[in-house]
Amino acid sequence: MTLLERLQAEMVAAMKAKAEARLGTLRMMKSALKKHEIDAMKPLDEAVEQQLLTTLIKQRRESVEMFRKGGREDLAVNEEAEIKVIEGFMPEMLSEDDVRAAVDAAVAETGASGPKGMGLVMKAVKEKLTGKRVDNKLVSDLVKARLG
């Protein structure tokens, strides 16, 4: 079952359950995926779908931060609920230990040392973690700490 088919099935279930907030989030996700599919003029593959969902999560996190700065806790809570729904369609986030192991392997593989080798190590880590969900800020922080 493709992600769009799964979203459609979840939308039907949300309509039946009268879960308006969830339904709105599912519709937004489907709309973003369909828009990209139409713009690209080709079917979506899993990597592109995951990238789009990651972008949606990032947008929501930025909104939460802005709403909290502006004193709008109610809107921040709504955005966090949307993040939870979107994350339900994404693979599990890799643990820090898994990311650290990939960083260590990439450093050993590339033989990089010092801050100048960061780009090379980041590229190697990205290749190792392709298809897995990972926090890129965590990867960057770990590489910086490792190359110190």
N, C-alpha and C. Protein backbone atom coordinates (compact mmCIF):
# COMPACT_ATOMS: atom_id res chain seq x y z
N MET A 1 0.85 -1.18 0.00
CA MET A 1 0.00 0.00 0.00
C MET A 1 0.89 1.24 0.00
N THR A 2 0.67 2.12 -0.95
CA THR A 2 1.47 3.34 -1.03
C THR A 2 1.06 4.30 0.08
N LEU A 3 1.89 5.29 0.30
CA LEU A 3 1.60 6.27 1.34
C LEU A 3 0.31 7.02 1.05
N LEU A 4 0.08 7.37 -0.21
CA LEU A 4 -1.15 8.08 -0.56
C LEU A 4 -2.38 7.21 -0.30
N GLU A 5 -2.29 5.92 -0.60
CA GLU A 5 -3.40 5.02 -0.33
C GLU A 5 -3.64 4.89 1.18
N ARG A 6 -2.54 4.80 1.91
CA ARG A 6 -2.65 4.71 3.37
C ARG A 6 -3.27 5.98 3.95
N LEU A 7 -2.85 7.14 3.43
CA LEU A 7 -3.42 8.40 3.88
C LEU A 7 -4.92 8.45 3.60
N GLN A 8 -5.33 7.99 2.41
CA GLN A 8 -6.74 7.99 2.06
C GLN A 8 -7.54 7.11 3.03
N ALA A 9 -7.02 5.94 3.33
CA ALA A 9 -7.70 5.03 4.27
C ALA A 9 -7.79 5.67 5.66
N GLU A 10 -6.72 6.32 6.09
CA GLU A 10 -6.72 7.00 7.39
C GLU A 10 -7.70 8.16 7.41
N MET A 11 -7.84 8.85 6.26
CA MET A 11 -8.79 9.96 6.17
C MET A 11 -10.22 9.46 6.34
N VAL A 12 -10.52 8.33 5.71
CA VAL A 12 -11.85 7.74 5.83
C VAL A 12 -12.13 7.38 7.29
N ALA A 13 -11.14 6.77 7.93
CA ALA A 13 -11.30 6.39 9.34
C ALA A 13 -11.48 7.63 10.22
N ALA A 14 -10.75 8.69 9.94
CA ALA A 14 -10.86 9.91 10.72
C ALA A 14 -12.22 10.58 10.52
N MET A 15 -12.74 10.50 9.29
CA MET A 15 -14.07 11.05 9.03
C MET A 15 -15.13 10.28 9.82
N LYS A 16 -15.02 8.97 9.80
CA LYS A 16 -15.98 8.14 10.53
C LYS A 16 -15.91 8.39 12.03
N ALA A 17 -14.70 8.62 12.53
CA ALA A 17 -14.51 8.86 13.96
C ALA A 17 -14.77 10.32 14.33
N LYS A 18 -15.03 11.16 13.33
CA LYS A 18 -15.25 12.59 13.52
C LYS A 18 -14.06 13.26 14.23
N ALA A 19 -12.86 12.82 13.86
CA ALA A 19 -11.62 13.38 14.40
C ALA A 19 -11.17 14.50 13.46
N GLU A 20 -11.71 15.70 13.68
CA GLU A 20 -11.48 16.81 12.76
C GLU A 20 -10.02 17.24 12.69
N ALA A 21 -9.35 17.30 13.84
CA ALA A 21 -7.94 17.74 13.84
C ALA A 21 -7.08 16.76 13.06
N ARG A 22 -7.27 15.47 13.30
CA ARG A 22 -6.49 14.45 12.59
C ARG A 22 -6.81 14.49 11.10
N LEU A 23 -8.07 14.64 10.77
CA LEU A 23 -8.49 14.69 9.38
C LEU A 23 -7.83 15.87 8.66
N GLY A 24 -7.79 17.02 9.31
CA GLY A 24 -7.16 18.20 8.71
C GLY A 24 -5.69 17.97 8.43
N THR A 25 -5.01 17.33 9.37
CA THR A 25 -3.58 17.04 9.19
C THR A 25 -3.38 16.05 8.05
N LEU A 26 -4.21 15.01 7.99
CA LEU A 26 -4.09 14.00 6.93
C LEU A 26 -4.34 14.64 5.56
N ARG A 27 -5.31 15.52 5.49
CA ARG A 27 -5.60 16.21 4.23
C ARG A 27 -4.42 17.07 3.80
N MET A 28 -3.82 17.77 4.77
CA MET A 28 -2.67 18.62 4.48
C MET A 28 -1.50 17.77 3.95
N MET A 29 -1.28 16.61 4.57
CA MET A 29 -0.20 15.72 4.13
C MET A 29 -0.46 15.22 2.71
N LYS A 30 -1.68 14.79 2.45
CA LYS A 30 -2.02 14.28 1.12
C LYS A 30 -1.87 15.39 0.08
N SER A 31 -2.31 16.57 0.43
CA SER A 31 -2.20 17.71 -0.49
C SER A 31 -0.74 18.01 -0.83
N ALA A 32 0.13 18.00 0.16
CA ALA A 32 1.55 18.28 -0.08
C ALA A 32 2.17 17.21 -0.97
N LEU A 33 1.82 15.95 -0.72
CA LEU A 33 2.35 14.85 -1.53
C LEU A 33 1.84 14.93 -2.97
N LYS A 34 0.54 15.17 -3.14
CA LYS A 34 -0.04 15.26 -4.49
C LYS A 34 0.54 16.45 -5.25
N LYS A 35 0.72 17.58 -4.56
CA LYS A 35 1.29 18.76 -5.22
C LYS A 35 2.69 18.45 -5.74
N HIS A 36 3.49 17.80 -4.93
CA HIS A 36 4.85 17.47 -5.37
C HIS A 36 4.81 16.48 -6.53
N GLU A 37 3.91 15.52 -6.45
CA GLU A 37 3.78 14.52 -7.52
C GLU A 37 3.41 15.20 -8.84
N ILE A 38 2.48 16.16 -8.78
CA ILE A 38 2.04 16.87 -9.98
C ILE A 38 3.15 17.76 -10.51
N ASP A 39 3.83 18.47 -9.59
CA ASP A 39 4.92 19.35 -10.00
C ASP A 39 6.06 18.57 -10.65
N ALA A 40 6.37 17.40 -10.10
CA ALA A 40 7.47 16.59 -10.63
C ALA A 40 7.06 15.81 -11.88
N MET A 41 5.77 15.68 -12.09
CA MET A 41 5.19 14.94 -13.22
C MET A 41 5.66 13.49 -13.27
N LYS A 42 5.82 12.90 -12.09
CA LYS A 42 6.14 11.48 -12.00
C LYS A 42 5.71 10.98 -10.62
N PRO A 43 5.47 9.68 -10.50
CA PRO A 43 5.04 9.15 -9.21
C PRO A 43 6.11 9.33 -8.14
N LEU A 44 5.66 9.46 -6.91
CA LEU A 44 6.58 9.63 -5.78
C LEU A 44 7.21 8.30 -5.41
N ASP A 45 8.49 8.34 -5.04
CA ASP A 45 9.10 7.14 -4.47
C ASP A 45 9.19 7.35 -2.96
N GLU A 46 9.57 6.30 -2.25
CA GLU A 46 9.54 6.35 -0.80
C GLU A 46 10.49 7.41 -0.22
N ALA A 47 11.64 7.58 -0.82
CA ALA A 47 12.61 8.57 -0.32
C ALA A 47 12.04 9.98 -0.42
N VAL A 48 11.39 10.29 -1.53
CA VAL A 48 10.80 11.62 -1.72
C VAL A 48 9.66 11.82 -0.73
N GLU A 49 8.84 10.80 -0.54
CA GLU A 49 7.74 10.89 0.43
C GLU A 49 8.27 11.20 1.82
N GLN A 50 9.31 10.48 2.22
CA GLN A 50 9.88 10.69 3.56
C GLN A 50 10.48 12.10 3.67
N GLN A 51 11.10 12.57 2.60
CA GLN A 51 11.68 13.91 2.62
C GLN A 51 10.59 14.96 2.76
N LEU A 52 9.48 14.78 2.06
CA LEU A 52 8.38 15.74 2.16
C LEU A 52 7.79 15.74 3.56
N LEU A 53 7.61 14.57 4.15
CA LEU A 53 7.07 14.50 5.51
C LEU A 53 8.04 15.12 6.51
N THR A 54 9.33 14.91 6.29
CA THR A 54 10.34 15.53 7.16
C THR A 54 10.25 17.05 7.08
N THR A 55 10.04 17.56 5.87
CA THR A 55 9.90 19.00 5.68
C THR A 55 8.67 19.52 6.42
N LEU A 56 7.57 18.78 6.34
CA LEU A 56 6.35 19.19 7.04
C LEU A 56 6.57 19.23 8.56
N ILE A 57 7.29 18.24 9.07
CA ILE A 57 7.59 18.21 10.51
C ILE A 57 8.46 19.40 10.89
N LYS A 58 9.46 19.68 10.08
CA LYS A 58 10.35 20.81 10.36
C LYS A 58 9.57 22.12 10.38
N GLN A 59 8.67 22.30 9.43
CA GLN A 59 7.84 23.51 9.38
C GLN A 59 7.01 23.64 10.65
N ARG A 60 6.44 22.53 11.10
CA ARG A 60 5.62 22.55 12.30
C ARG A 60 6.45 22.88 13.55
N ARG A 61 7.66 22.34 13.61
CA ARG A 61 8.53 22.62 14.77
C ARG A 61 8.90 24.11 14.82
N GLU A 62 9.17 24.68 13.65
CA GLU A 62 9.47 26.11 13.60
C GLU A 62 8.26 26.92 14.04
N SER A 63 7.07 26.50 13.64
CA SER A 63 5.85 27.19 14.03
C SER A 63 5.64 27.10 15.53
N VAL A 64 5.89 25.94 16.11
CA VAL A 64 5.74 25.77 17.57
C VAL A 64 6.63 26.77 18.29
N GLU A 65 7.88 26.86 17.83
CA GLU A 65 8.82 27.78 18.46
C GLU A 65 8.32 29.23 18.37
N MET A 66 7.85 29.62 17.20
CA MET A 66 7.37 30.99 17.01
C MET A 66 6.11 31.26 17.84
N PHE A 67 5.20 30.29 17.88
CA PHE A 67 3.98 30.48 18.67
C PHE A 67 4.30 30.62 20.15
N ARG A 68 5.26 29.83 20.62
CA ARG A 68 5.63 29.91 22.05
C ARG A 68 6.26 31.27 22.35
N LYS A 69 7.09 31.76 21.44
CA LYS A 69 7.71 33.08 21.64
C LYS A 69 6.63 34.16 21.66
N GLY A 70 5.59 33.96 20.87
CA GLY A 70 4.51 34.93 20.78
C GLY A 70 3.44 34.75 21.85
N GLY A 71 3.61 33.78 22.72
CA GLY A 71 2.64 33.57 23.79
C GLY A 71 1.36 32.89 23.33
N ARG A 72 1.42 32.16 22.25
CA ARG A 72 0.22 31.48 21.73
C ARG A 72 0.34 29.98 21.97
N GLU A 73 0.24 29.57 23.21
CA GLU A 73 0.38 28.18 23.60
C GLU A 73 -0.67 27.29 22.92
N ASP A 74 -1.89 27.81 22.74
CA ASP A 74 -2.95 27.03 22.10
C ASP A 74 -2.57 26.61 20.69
N LEU A 75 -1.99 27.52 19.93
CA LEU A 75 -1.57 27.20 18.56
C LEU A 75 -0.36 26.27 18.55
N ALA A 76 0.53 26.44 19.52
CA ALA A 76 1.70 25.56 19.62
C ALA A 76 1.25 24.13 19.89
N VAL A 77 0.26 23.96 20.74
CA VAL A 77 -0.25 22.62 21.05
C VAL A 77 -0.87 21.98 19.80
N ASN A 78 -1.59 22.77 19.00
CA ASN A 78 -2.17 22.25 17.75
C ASN A 78 -1.08 21.78 16.80
N GLU A 79 -0.02 22.56 16.67
CA GLU A 79 1.09 22.19 15.78
C GLU A 79 1.78 20.91 16.28
N GLU A 80 1.94 20.79 17.59
CA GLU A 80 2.56 19.58 18.14
C GLU A 80 1.70 18.34 17.88
N ALA A 81 0.38 18.52 17.92
CA ALA A 81 -0.52 17.40 17.60
C ALA A 81 -0.35 17.00 16.14
N GLU A 82 -0.17 17.97 15.25
CA GLU A 82 0.05 17.67 13.84
C GLU A 82 1.37 16.92 13.65
N ILE A 83 2.40 17.32 14.40
CA ILE A 83 3.69 16.63 14.31
C ILE A 83 3.52 15.16 14.66
N LYS A 84 2.77 14.87 15.71
CA LYS A 84 2.56 13.48 16.14
C LYS A 84 1.87 12.67 15.04
N VAL A 85 0.89 13.27 14.37
CA VAL A 85 0.18 12.57 13.30
C VAL A 85 1.14 12.29 12.14
N ILE A 86 1.92 13.27 11.75
CA ILE A 86 2.86 13.10 10.63
C ILE A 86 3.90 12.05 10.98
N GLU A 87 4.42 12.11 12.21
CA GLU A 87 5.44 11.14 12.61
C GLU A 87 4.92 9.70 12.60
N GLY A 88 3.60 9.54 12.71
CA GLY A 88 3.00 8.21 12.64
C GLY A 88 3.18 7.55 11.28
N PHE A 89 3.50 8.33 10.27
CA PHE A 89 3.68 7.81 8.91
C PHE A 89 5.16 7.70 8.53
N MET A 90 6.04 7.96 9.49
CA MET A 90 7.47 7.94 9.22
C MET A 90 8.10 6.76 9.95
N PRO A 91 9.24 6.28 9.45
CA PRO A 91 9.95 5.21 10.17
C PRO A 91 10.47 5.74 11.51
N GLU A 92 10.84 4.83 12.38
CA GLU A 92 11.38 5.20 13.68
C GLU A 92 12.65 6.02 13.52
N MET A 93 12.82 6.99 14.40
CA MET A 93 14.03 7.81 14.42
C MET A 93 15.16 6.96 14.99
N LEU A 94 16.33 7.03 14.35
CA LEU A 94 17.48 6.30 14.85
C LEU A 94 17.91 6.85 16.20
N SER A 95 18.40 5.99 17.06
CA SER A 95 18.86 6.43 18.38
C SER A 95 20.20 7.14 18.24
N GLU A 96 20.58 7.86 19.27
CA GLU A 96 21.85 8.57 19.27
C GLU A 96 23.02 7.59 19.17
N ASP A 97 22.87 6.42 19.80
CA ASP A 97 23.94 5.42 19.75
C ASP A 97 24.15 4.90 18.33
N ASP A 98 23.05 4.68 17.60
CA ASP A 98 23.15 4.22 16.22
C ASP A 98 23.83 5.27 15.34
N VAL A 99 23.46 6.52 15.55
CA VAL A 99 24.05 7.62 14.78
C VAL A 99 25.53 7.75 15.12
N ARG A 100 25.86 7.65 16.40
CA ARG A 100 27.26 7.75 16.83
C ARG A 100 28.10 6.65 16.18
N ALA A 101 27.54 5.43 16.12
CA ALA A 101 28.26 4.32 15.49
C ALA A 101 28.50 4.60 14.01
N ALA A 102 27.49 5.16 13.33
CA ALA A 102 27.65 5.49 11.91
C ALA A 102 28.70 6.59 11.73
N VAL A 103 28.71 7.57 12.62
CA VAL A 103 29.70 8.66 12.55
C VAL A 103 31.10 8.09 12.76
N ASP A 104 31.26 7.24 13.77
CA ASP A 104 32.57 6.63 14.04
C ASP A 104 33.06 5.82 12.84
N ALA A 105 32.15 5.04 12.25
CA ALA A 105 32.52 4.24 11.08
C ALA A 105 32.91 5.13 9.90
N ALA A 106 32.17 6.23 9.72
CA ALA A 106 32.47 7.14 8.60
C ALA A 106 33.82 7.83 8.81
N VAL A 107 34.12 8.20 10.06
CA VAL A 107 35.41 8.85 10.34
C VAL A 107 36.55 7.86 10.08
N ALA A 108 36.37 6.61 10.52
CA ALA A 108 37.40 5.59 10.28
C ALA A 108 37.56 5.30 8.79
N GLU A 109 36.44 5.26 8.09
CA GLU A 109 36.44 4.95 6.66
C GLU A 109 37.11 6.05 5.84
N THR A 110 36.82 7.31 6.19
CA THR A 110 37.36 8.43 5.41
C THR A 110 38.74 8.85 5.87
N GLY A 111 39.10 8.51 7.10
CA GLY A 111 40.39 8.90 7.64
C GLY A 111 40.47 10.40 7.91
N ALA A 112 39.32 11.05 8.04
CA ALA A 112 39.29 12.50 8.24
C ALA A 112 39.72 12.85 9.66
N SER A 113 40.36 14.01 9.77
CA SER A 113 40.71 14.53 11.09
C SER A 113 40.63 16.04 11.02
N GLY A 114 40.13 16.63 12.08
CA GLY A 114 40.01 18.08 12.12
C GLY A 114 38.76 18.57 11.41
N PRO A 115 38.42 19.82 11.66
CA PRO A 115 37.18 20.40 11.10
C PRO A 115 37.12 20.42 9.57
N LYS A 116 38.27 20.38 8.91
CA LYS A 116 38.27 20.43 7.45
C LYS A 116 37.65 19.17 6.83
N GLY A 117 37.67 18.07 7.55
CA GLY A 117 37.12 16.82 7.04
C GLY A 117 35.65 16.64 7.30
N MET A 118 34.99 17.66 7.86
CA MET A 118 33.59 17.53 8.24
C MET A 118 32.69 17.20 7.04
N GLY A 119 32.88 17.90 5.95
CA GLY A 119 32.04 17.67 4.76
C GLY A 119 32.16 16.25 4.25
N LEU A 120 33.36 15.75 4.23
CA LEU A 120 33.62 14.39 3.77
C LEU A 120 32.94 13.36 4.68
N VAL A 121 33.06 13.58 5.99
CA VAL A 121 32.44 12.67 6.95
C VAL A 121 30.92 12.75 6.87
N MET A 122 30.38 13.97 6.76
CA MET A 122 28.92 14.15 6.67
C MET A 122 28.37 13.40 5.45
N LYS A 123 29.08 13.48 4.33
CA LYS A 123 28.65 12.79 3.12
C LYS A 123 28.66 11.28 3.33
N ALA A 124 29.70 10.76 3.97
CA ALA A 124 29.79 9.32 4.23
C ALA A 124 28.70 8.86 5.19
N VAL A 125 28.41 9.67 6.22
CA VAL A 125 27.35 9.32 7.17
C VAL A 125 26.00 9.31 6.46
N LYS A 126 25.78 10.30 5.63
CA LYS A 126 24.52 10.39 4.90
C LYS A 126 24.31 9.15 4.02
N GLU A 127 25.37 8.68 3.38
CA GLU A 127 25.28 7.47 2.55
C GLU A 127 24.97 6.25 3.40
N LYS A 128 25.59 6.17 4.59
CA LYS A 128 25.36 5.03 5.48
C LYS A 128 23.92 4.99 6.00
N LEU A 129 23.35 6.16 6.21
CA LEU A 129 22.02 6.25 6.83
C LEU A 129 20.91 6.50 5.82
N THR A 130 21.18 6.32 4.56
CA THR A 130 20.17 6.52 3.52
C THR A 130 18.97 5.63 3.79
N GLY A 131 17.78 6.22 3.71
CA GLY A 131 16.54 5.47 3.91
C GLY A 131 16.13 5.35 5.37
N LYS A 132 16.97 5.85 6.26
CA LYS A 132 16.63 5.81 7.68
C LYS A 132 16.33 7.23 8.15
N ARG A 133 15.48 7.33 9.15
CA ARG A 133 15.12 8.64 9.66
C ARG A 133 16.12 9.04 10.75
N VAL A 134 16.73 10.20 10.54
CA VAL A 134 17.77 10.64 11.45
C VAL A 134 17.70 12.16 11.61
N ASP A 135 18.02 12.64 12.78
CA ASP A 135 18.07 14.07 13.06
C ASP A 135 19.40 14.61 12.55
N ASN A 136 19.36 15.40 11.49
CA ASN A 136 20.59 15.90 10.86
C ASN A 136 21.39 16.81 11.79
N LYS A 137 20.71 17.52 12.68
CA LYS A 137 21.42 18.37 13.64
C LYS A 137 22.24 17.49 14.59
N LEU A 138 21.67 16.38 15.00
CA LEU A 138 22.41 15.45 15.86
C LEU A 138 23.64 14.92 15.14
N VAL A 139 23.48 14.56 13.87
CA VAL A 139 24.60 14.05 13.08
C VAL A 139 25.71 15.12 13.02
N SER A 140 25.31 16.33 12.70
CA SER A 140 26.27 17.42 12.60
C SER A 140 27.00 17.65 13.93
N ASP A 141 26.25 17.66 15.02
CA ASP A 141 26.86 17.87 16.34
C ASP A 141 27.84 16.76 16.68
N LEU A 142 27.47 15.51 16.37
CA LEU A 142 28.34 14.39 16.67
C LEU A 142 29.62 14.42 15.82
N VAL A 143 29.47 14.80 14.55
CA VAL A 143 30.65 14.88 13.68
C VAL A 143 31.58 15.99 14.18
N LYS A 144 31.01 17.16 14.55
CA LYS A 144 31.83 18.25 15.07
C LYS A 144 32.57 17.82 16.32
N ALA A 145 31.86 17.13 17.22
CA ALA A 145 32.50 16.68 18.46
C ALA A 145 33.60 15.66 18.17
N ARG A 146 33.36 14.78 17.22
CA ARG A 146 34.33 13.72 16.89
C ARG A 146 35.59 14.28 16.24
N LEU A 147 35.38 15.28 15.36
CA LEU A 147 36.52 15.87 14.65
C LEU A 147 37.16 17.01 15.43
N GLY A 148 36.41 17.52 16.43
CA GLY A 148 36.84 18.54 17.36
C GLY A 148 37.81 19.50 16.86
